[in-house]
Amino acid sequence: MGSFSIWHWLIVLVVVLLVFGTKKLRNIGSDLGGAVKGFKDGMKDGTAEASKADAPVQQVSQTTIDVEAKEKSKT
């Protein structure tokens, strides 16, 4: 079976409108839009925090301690 024609999609749309109603579909659409907006804002905040994290960090001097390992003698 090939792709659906425009008439198939119109019938599906009418059935969905009858089952859910326009008010419920409008609420679902606004909820989805709010979620997408929140996701975009979160991505912008994430890139701002990442750019702060990439800022040059003051380097701490490191001291190297040489340690010799000695074998235990079996006595």
PDB file of N, CA and C in Angstrom:
ATOM      1  N   MET A   1       0.846  -1.170   0.000  1.00  0.00           N
ATOM      2  CA  MET A   1       0.000   0.000   0.000  1.00  0.00           C
ATOM      3  C   MET A   1       0.891   1.233   0.000  1.00  0.00           C
ATOM      4  N   GLY A   2       0.645   2.140  -0.890  1.00  0.00           N
ATOM      5  CA  GLY A   2       1.488   3.318  -1.041  1.00  0.00           C
ATOM      6  C   GLY A   2       1.190   4.377  -0.008  1.00  0.00           C
ATOM      7  N   SER A   3       1.621   5.599  -0.292  1.00  0.00           N
ATOM      8  CA  SER A   3       1.396   6.696   0.649  1.00  0.00           C
ATOM      9  C   SER A   3      -0.089   7.086   0.630  1.00  0.00           C
ATOM     10  N   PHE A   4      -0.509   7.688   1.719  1.00  0.00           N
ATOM     11  CA  PHE A   4      -1.904   8.074   1.826  1.00  0.00           C
ATOM     12  C   PHE A   4      -2.166   9.340   1.028  1.00  0.00           C
ATOM     13  N   SER A   5      -3.378   9.446   0.483  1.00  0.00           N
ATOM     14  CA  SER A   5      -3.754  10.649  -0.256  1.00  0.00           C
ATOM     15  C   SER A   5      -4.239  11.706   0.735  1.00  0.00           C
ATOM     16  N   ILE A   6      -4.538  12.880   0.229  1.00  0.00           N
ATOM     17  CA  ILE A   6      -5.013  13.977   1.071  1.00  0.00           C
ATOM     18  C   ILE A   6      -6.335  13.624   1.727  1.00  0.00           C
ATOM     19  N   TRP A   7      -7.162  12.838   1.050  1.00  0.00           N
ATOM     20  CA  TRP A   7      -8.465  12.470   1.611  1.00  0.00           C
ATOM     21  C   TRP A   7      -8.311  11.570   2.836  1.00  0.00           C
ATOM     22  N   HIS A   8      -7.343  10.681   2.797  1.00  0.00           N
ATOM     23  CA  HIS A   8      -7.094   9.835   3.964  1.00  0.00           C
ATOM     24  C   HIS A   8      -6.702  10.686   5.176  1.00  0.00           C
ATOM     25  N   TRP A   9      -5.816  11.657   4.953  1.00  0.00           N
ATOM     26  CA  TRP A   9      -5.362  12.511   6.046  1.00  0.00           C
ATOM     27  C   TRP A   9      -6.483  13.399   6.579  1.00  0.00           C
ATOM     28  N   LEU A  10      -7.373  13.871   5.701  1.00  0.00           N
ATOM     29  CA  LEU A  10      -8.502  14.674   6.154  1.00  0.00           C
ATOM     30  C   LEU A  10      -9.459  13.850   7.016  1.00  0.00           C
ATOM     31  N   ILE A  11      -9.702  12.616   6.622  1.00  0.00           N
ATOM     32  CA  ILE A  11     -10.567  11.739   7.416  1.00  0.00           C
ATOM     33  C   ILE A  11      -9.937  11.464   8.777  1.00  0.00           C
ATOM     34  N   VAL A  12      -8.643  11.222   8.814  1.00  0.00           N
ATOM     35  CA  VAL A  12      -7.944  11.001  10.083  1.00  0.00           C
ATOM     36  C   VAL A  12      -8.042  12.249  10.955  1.00  0.00           C
ATOM     37  N   LEU A  13      -7.874  13.422  10.382  1.00  0.00           N
ATOM     38  CA  LEU A  13      -7.971  14.674  11.119  1.00  0.00           C
ATOM     39  C   LEU A  13      -9.359  14.866  11.715  1.00  0.00           C
ATOM     40  N   VAL A  14     -10.403  14.574  10.946  1.00  0.00           N
ATOM     41  CA  VAL A  14     -11.772  14.711  11.439  1.00  0.00           C
ATOM     42  C   VAL A  14     -12.027  13.741  12.593  1.00  0.00           C
ATOM     43  N   VAL A  15     -11.540  12.511  12.473  1.00  0.00           N
ATOM     44  CA  VAL A  15     -11.725  11.529  13.535  1.00  0.00           C
ATOM     45  C   VAL A  15     -10.993  11.972  14.802  1.00  0.00           C
ATOM     46  N   VAL A  16      -9.783  12.479  14.664  1.00  0.00           N
ATOM     47  CA  VAL A  16      -9.026  12.957  15.823  1.00  0.00           C
ATOM     48  C   VAL A  16      -9.750  14.129  16.477  1.00  0.00           C
ATOM     49  N   LEU A  17     -10.277  15.047  15.685  1.00  0.00           N
ATOM     50  CA  LEU A  17     -11.020  16.181  16.242  1.00  0.00           C
ATOM     51  C   LEU A  17     -12.266  15.710  16.977  1.00  0.00           C
ATOM     52  N   LEU A  18     -12.954  14.710  16.437  1.00  0.00           N
ATOM     53  CA  LEU A  18     -14.146  14.200  17.098  1.00  0.00           C
ATOM     54  C   LEU A  18     -13.812  13.484  18.399  1.00  0.00           C
ATOM     55  N   VAL A  19     -12.714  12.771  18.436  1.00  0.00           N
ATOM     56  CA  VAL A  19     -12.343  12.013  19.631  1.00  0.00           C
ATOM     57  C   VAL A  19     -11.832  12.937  20.726  1.00  0.00           C
ATOM     58  N   PHE A  20     -10.909  13.819  20.398  1.00  0.00           N
ATOM     59  CA  PHE A  20     -10.267  14.649  21.419  1.00  0.00           C
ATOM     60  C   PHE A  20     -10.929  16.005  21.617  1.00  0.00           C
ATOM     61  N   GLY A  21     -11.487  16.568  20.598  1.00  0.00           N
ATOM     62  CA  GLY A  21     -12.071  17.907  20.700  1.00  0.00           C
ATOM     63  C   GLY A  21     -11.010  18.969  20.491  1.00  0.00           C
ATOM     64  N   THR A  22     -11.467  20.165  20.097  1.00  0.00           N
ATOM     65  CA  THR A  22     -10.513  21.231  19.769  1.00  0.00           C
ATOM     66  C   THR A  22      -9.841  21.800  21.004  1.00  0.00           C
ATOM     67  N   LYS A  23     -10.558  21.865  22.131  1.00  0.00           N
ATOM     68  CA  LYS A  23      -9.970  22.449  23.341  1.00  0.00           C
ATOM     69  C   LYS A  23      -8.806  21.598  23.845  1.00  0.00           C
ATOM     70  N   LYS A  24      -9.004  20.303  23.852  1.00  0.00           N
ATOM     71  CA  LYS A  24      -7.939  19.417  24.336  1.00  0.00           C
ATOM     72  C   LYS A  24      -6.735  19.459  23.388  1.00  0.00           C
ATOM     73  N   LEU A  25      -6.979  19.493  22.089  1.00  0.00           N
ATOM     74  CA  LEU A  25      -5.872  19.575  21.119  1.00  0.00           C
ATOM     75  C   LEU A  25      -5.129  20.899  21.262  1.00  0.00           C
ATOM     76  N   ARG A  26      -5.858  21.985  21.544  1.00  0.00           N
ATOM     77  CA  ARG A  26      -5.216  23.281  21.735  1.00  0.00           C
ATOM     78  C   ARG A  26      -4.332  23.251  22.978  1.00  0.00           C
ATOM     79  N   ASN A  27      -4.811  22.613  24.044  1.00  0.00           N
ATOM     80  CA  ASN A  27      -4.006  22.497  25.267  1.00  0.00           C
ATOM     81  C   ASN A  27      -2.759  21.658  25.025  1.00  0.00           C
ATOM     82  N   ILE A  28      -2.900  20.571  24.276  1.00  0.00           N
ATOM     83  CA  ILE A  28      -1.741  19.730  23.962  1.00  0.00           C
ATOM     84  C   ILE A  28      -0.724  20.517  23.146  1.00  0.00           C
ATOM     85  N   GLY A  29      -1.202  21.312  22.195  1.00  0.00           N
ATOM     86  CA  GLY A  29      -0.303  22.121  21.375  1.00  0.00           C
ATOM     87  C   GLY A  29       0.437  23.167  22.181  1.00  0.00           C
ATOM     88  N   SER A  30      -0.268  23.827  23.104  1.00  0.00           N
ATOM     89  CA  SER A  30       0.406  24.850  23.915  1.00  0.00           C
ATOM     90  C   SER A  30       1.398  24.205  24.882  1.00  0.00           C
ATOM     91  N   ASP A  31       1.054  23.033  25.424  1.00  0.00           N
ATOM     92  CA  ASP A  31       1.994  22.321  26.297  1.00  0.00           C
ATOM     93  C   ASP A  31       3.251  21.911  25.537  1.00  0.00           C
ATOM     94  N   LEU A  32       3.062  21.433  24.322  1.00  0.00           N
ATOM     95  CA  LEU A  32       4.199  21.023  23.496  1.00  0.00           C
ATOM     96  C   LEU A  32       5.066  22.233  23.144  1.00  0.00           C
ATOM     97  N   GLY A  33       4.429  23.352  22.802  1.00  0.00           N
ATOM     98  CA  GLY A  33       5.184  24.575  22.499  1.00  0.00           C
ATOM     99  C   GLY A  33       5.974  25.069  23.699  1.00  0.00           C
ATOM    100  N   GLY A  34       5.365  25.001  24.887  1.00  0.00           N
ATOM    101  CA  GLY A  34       6.065  25.411  26.104  1.00  0.00           C
ATOM    102  C   GLY A  34       7.256  24.510  26.400  1.00  0.00           C
ATOM    103  N   ALA A  35       7.085  23.215  26.130  1.00  0.00           N
ATOM    104  CA  ALA A  35       8.187  22.278  26.361  1.00  0.00           C
ATOM    105  C   ALA A  35       9.345  22.558  25.410  1.00  0.00           C
ATOM    106  N   VAL A  36       9.042  22.854  24.165  1.00  0.00           N
ATOM    107  CA  VAL A  36      10.097  23.165  23.181  1.00  0.00           C
ATOM    108  C   VAL A  36      10.810  24.457  23.570  1.00  0.00           C
ATOM    109  N   LYS A  37      10.036  25.455  24.018  1.00  0.00           N
ATOM    110  CA  LYS A  37      10.644  26.728  24.436  1.00  0.00           C
ATOM    111  C   LYS A  37      11.553  26.520  25.645  1.00  0.00           C
ATOM    112  N   GLY A  38      11.088  25.717  26.603  1.00  0.00           N
ATOM    113  CA  GLY A  38      11.912  25.418  27.769  1.00  0.00           C
ATOM    114  C   GLY A  38      13.186  24.679  27.398  1.00  0.00           C
ATOM    115  N   PHE A  39      13.082  23.763  26.436  1.00  0.00           N
ATOM    116  CA  PHE A  39      14.258  23.026  25.969  1.00  0.00           C
ATOM    117  C   PHE A  39      15.260  23.972  25.326  1.00  0.00           C
ATOM    118  N   LYS A  40      14.785  24.882  24.497  1.00  0.00           N
ATOM    119  CA  LYS A  40      15.684  25.840  23.849  1.00  0.00           C
ATOM    120  C   LYS A  40      16.372  26.735  24.875  1.00  0.00           C
ATOM    121  N   ASP A  41      15.600  27.209  25.876  1.00  0.00           N
ATOM    122  CA  ASP A  41      16.193  28.034  26.924  1.00  0.00           C
ATOM    123  C   ASP A  41      17.238  27.247  27.710  1.00  0.00           C
ATOM    124  N   GLY A  42      16.956  25.989  27.976  1.00  0.00           N
ATOM    125  CA  GLY A  42      17.918  25.151  28.683  1.00  0.00           C
ATOM    126  C   GLY A  42      19.192  24.939  27.883  1.00  0.00           C
ATOM    127  N   MET A  43      19.055  24.805  26.580  1.00  0.00           N
ATOM    128  CA  MET A  43      20.239  24.634  25.729  1.00  0.00           C
ATOM    129  C   MET A  43      21.071  25.915  25.717  1.00  0.00           C
ATOM    130  N   LYS A  44      20.411  27.081  25.724  1.00  0.00           N
ATOM    131  CA  LYS A  44      21.149  28.341  25.761  1.00  0.00           C
ATOM    132  C   LYS A  44      21.890  28.476  27.087  1.00  0.00           C
ATOM    133  N   ASP A  45      21.235  28.112  28.185  1.00  0.00           N
ATOM    134  CA  ASP A  45      21.883  28.166  29.495  1.00  0.00           C
ATOM    135  C   ASP A  45      23.047  27.187  29.569  1.00  0.00           C
ATOM    136  N   GLY A  46      22.892  26.031  28.957  1.00  0.00           N
ATOM    137  CA  GLY A  46      23.961  25.037  28.965  1.00  0.00           C
ATOM    138  C   GLY A  46      25.186  25.513  28.214  1.00  0.00           C
ATOM    139  N   THR A  47      24.990  26.205  27.105  1.00  0.00           N
ATOM    140  CA  THR A  47      26.137  26.708  26.354  1.00  0.00           C
ATOM    141  C   THR A  47      26.789  27.866  27.092  1.00  0.00           C
ATOM    142  N   ALA A  48      26.010  28.673  27.828  1.00  0.00           N
ATOM    143  CA  ALA A  48      26.583  29.769  28.606  1.00  0.00           C
ATOM    144  C   ALA A  48      27.439  29.215  29.740  1.00  0.00           C
ATOM    145  N   GLU A  49      26.957  28.164  30.404  1.00  0.00           N
ATOM    146  CA  GLU A  49      27.729  27.546  31.483  1.00  0.00           C
ATOM    147  C   GLU A  49      28.979  26.863  30.936  1.00  0.00           C
ATOM    148  N   ALA A  50      28.866  26.269  29.747  1.00  0.00           N
ATOM    149  CA  ALA A  50      30.018  25.603  29.154  1.00  0.00           C
ATOM    150  C   ALA A  50      31.087  26.621  28.776  1.00  0.00           C
ATOM    151  N   SER A  51      30.683  27.799  28.305  1.00  0.00           N
ATOM    152  CA  SER A  51      31.678  28.807  27.946  1.00  0.00           C
ATOM    153  C   SER A  51      32.367  29.346  29.203  1.00  0.00           C
ATOM    154  N   LYS A  52      31.639  29.393  30.319  1.00  0.00           N
ATOM    155  CA  LYS A  52      32.263  29.806  31.580  1.00  0.00           C
ATOM    156  C   LYS A  52      33.252  28.741  32.045  1.00  0.00           C
ATOM    157  N   ALA A  53      32.915  27.488  31.820  1.00  0.00           N
ATOM    158  CA  ALA A  53      33.784  26.394  32.238  1.00  0.00           C
ATOM    159  C   ALA A  53      35.047  26.340  31.385  1.00  0.00           C
ATOM    160  N   ASP A  54      34.969  26.824  30.140  1.00  0.00           N
ATOM    161  CA  ASP A  54      36.127  26.814  29.254  1.00  0.00           C
ATOM    162  C   ASP A  54      37.084  27.976  29.521  1.00  0.00           C
ATOM    163  N   ALA A  55      36.720  28.869  30.420  1.00  0.00           N
ATOM    164  CA  ALA A  55      37.569  30.015  30.742  1.00  0.00           C
ATOM    165  C   ALA A  55      38.897  29.517  31.305  1.00  0.00           C
ATOM    166  N   PRO A  56      39.972  30.286  31.105  1.00  0.00           N
ATOM    167  CA  PRO A  56      41.277  29.848  31.596  1.00  0.00           C
ATOM    168  C   PRO A  56      41.256  29.636  33.109  1.00  0.00           C
ATOM    169  N   VAL A  57      41.810  28.549  33.515  1.00  0.00           N
ATOM    170  CA  VAL A  57      41.855  28.197  34.926  1.00  0.00           C
ATOM    171  C   VAL A  57      43.254  28.490  35.440  1.00  0.00           C
ATOM    172  N   GLN A  58      43.334  29.066  36.645  1.00  0.00           N
ATOM    173  CA  GLN A  58      44.631  29.357  37.235  1.00  0.00           C
ATOM    174  C   GLN A  58      45.327  28.041  37.532  1.00  0.00           C
ATOM    175  N   GLN A  59      46.535  27.928  37.039  1.00  0.00           N
ATOM    176  CA  GLN A  59      47.257  26.666  37.173  1.00  0.00           C
ATOM    177  C   GLN A  59      47.951  26.613  38.532  1.00  0.00           C
ATOM    178  N   VAL A  60      47.833  25.477  39.186  1.00  0.00           N
ATOM    179  CA  VAL A  60      48.430  25.270  40.495  1.00  0.00           C
ATOM    180  C   VAL A  60      49.754  24.566  40.278  1.00  0.00           C
ATOM    181  N   SER A  61      50.807  25.051  40.979  1.00  0.00           N
ATOM    182  CA  SER A  61      52.104  24.400  40.818  1.00  0.00           C
ATOM    183  C   SER A  61      52.055  23.016  41.460  1.00  0.00           C
ATOM    184  N   GLN A  62      52.689  22.089  40.816  1.00  0.00           N
ATOM    185  CA  GLN A  62      52.700  20.721  41.312  1.00  0.00           C
ATOM    186  C   GLN A  62      54.104  20.355  41.753  1.00  0.00           C
ATOM    187  N   THR A  63      54.188  19.677  42.863  1.00  0.00           N
ATOM    188  CA  THR A  63      55.466  19.220  43.377  1.00  0.00           C
ATOM    189  C   THR A  63      55.540  17.723  43.183  1.00  0.00           C
ATOM    190  N   THR A  64      56.643  17.264  42.612  1.00  0.00           N
ATOM    191  CA  THR A  64      56.817  15.837  42.390  1.00  0.00           C
ATOM    192  C   THR A  64      57.667  15.269  43.517  1.00  0.00           C
ATOM    193  N   ILE A  65      57.221  14.189  44.074  1.00  0.00           N
ATOM    194  CA  ILE A  65      57.962  13.532  45.147  1.00  0.00           C
ATOM    195  C   ILE A  65      58.427  12.179  44.613  1.00  0.00           C
ATOM    196  N   ASP A  66      59.735  11.978  44.652  1.00  0.00           N
ATOM    197  CA  ASP A  66      60.280  10.694  44.220  1.00  0.00           C
ATOM    198  C   ASP A  66      60.315   9.749  45.418  1.00  0.00           C
ATOM    199  N   VAL A  67      59.841   8.552  45.218  1.00  0.00           N
ATOM    200  CA  VAL A  67      59.816   7.566  46.283  1.00  0.00           C
ATOM    201  C   VAL A  67      60.461   6.296  45.753  1.00  0.00           C
ATOM    202  N   GLU A  68      61.342   5.760  46.534  1.00  0.00           N
ATOM    203  CA  GLU A  68      61.965   4.498  46.149  1.00  0.00           C
ATOM    204  C   GLU A  68      61.223   3.365  46.830  1.00  0.00           C
ATOM    205  N   ALA A  69      60.944   2.335  46.067  1.00  0.00           N
ATOM    206  CA  ALA A  69      60.297   1.163  46.645  1.00  0.00           C
ATOM    207  C   ALA A  69      61.387   0.167  47.021  1.00  0.00           C
ATOM    208  N   LYS A  70      61.346  -0.291  48.223  1.00  0.00           N
ATOM    209  CA  LYS A  70      62.338  -1.251  48.694  1.00  0.00           C
ATOM    210  C   LYS A  70      61.652  -2.602  48.863  1.00  0.00           C
ATOM    211  N   GLU A  71      62.380  -3.634  48.511  1.00  0.00           N
ATOM    212  CA  GLU A  71      61.838  -4.986  48.688  1.00  0.00           C
ATOM    213  C   GLU A  71      61.971  -5.403  50.132  1.00  0.00           C
ATOM    214  N   LYS A  72      60.979  -6.152  50.584  1.00  0.00           N
ATOM    215  CA  LYS A  72      61.072  -6.702  51.936  1.00  0.00           C
ATOM    216  C   LYS A  72      62.013  -7.898  51.878  1.00  0.00           C
ATOM    217  N   SER A  73      62.855  -7.941  52.844  1.00  0.00           N
ATOM    218  CA  SER A  73      63.763  -9.090  52.892  1.00  0.00           C
ATOM    219  C   SER A  73      63.078 -10.208  53.657  1.00  0.00           C
ATOM    220  N   LYS A  74      63.253 -11.420  53.178  1.00  0.00           N
ATOM    221  CA  LYS A  74      62.636 -12.566  53.850  1.00  0.00           C
ATOM    222  C   LYS A  74      63.586 -13.052  54.931  1.00  0.00           C
ATOM    223  N   THR A  75      63.299 -12.779  56.158  1.00  0.00           N
ATOM    224  CA  THR A  75      64.143 -13.233  57.268  1.00  0.00           C
ATOM    225  C   THR A  75      63.353 -14.007  58.268  1.00  0.00           C
TER     226      THR A  75
END
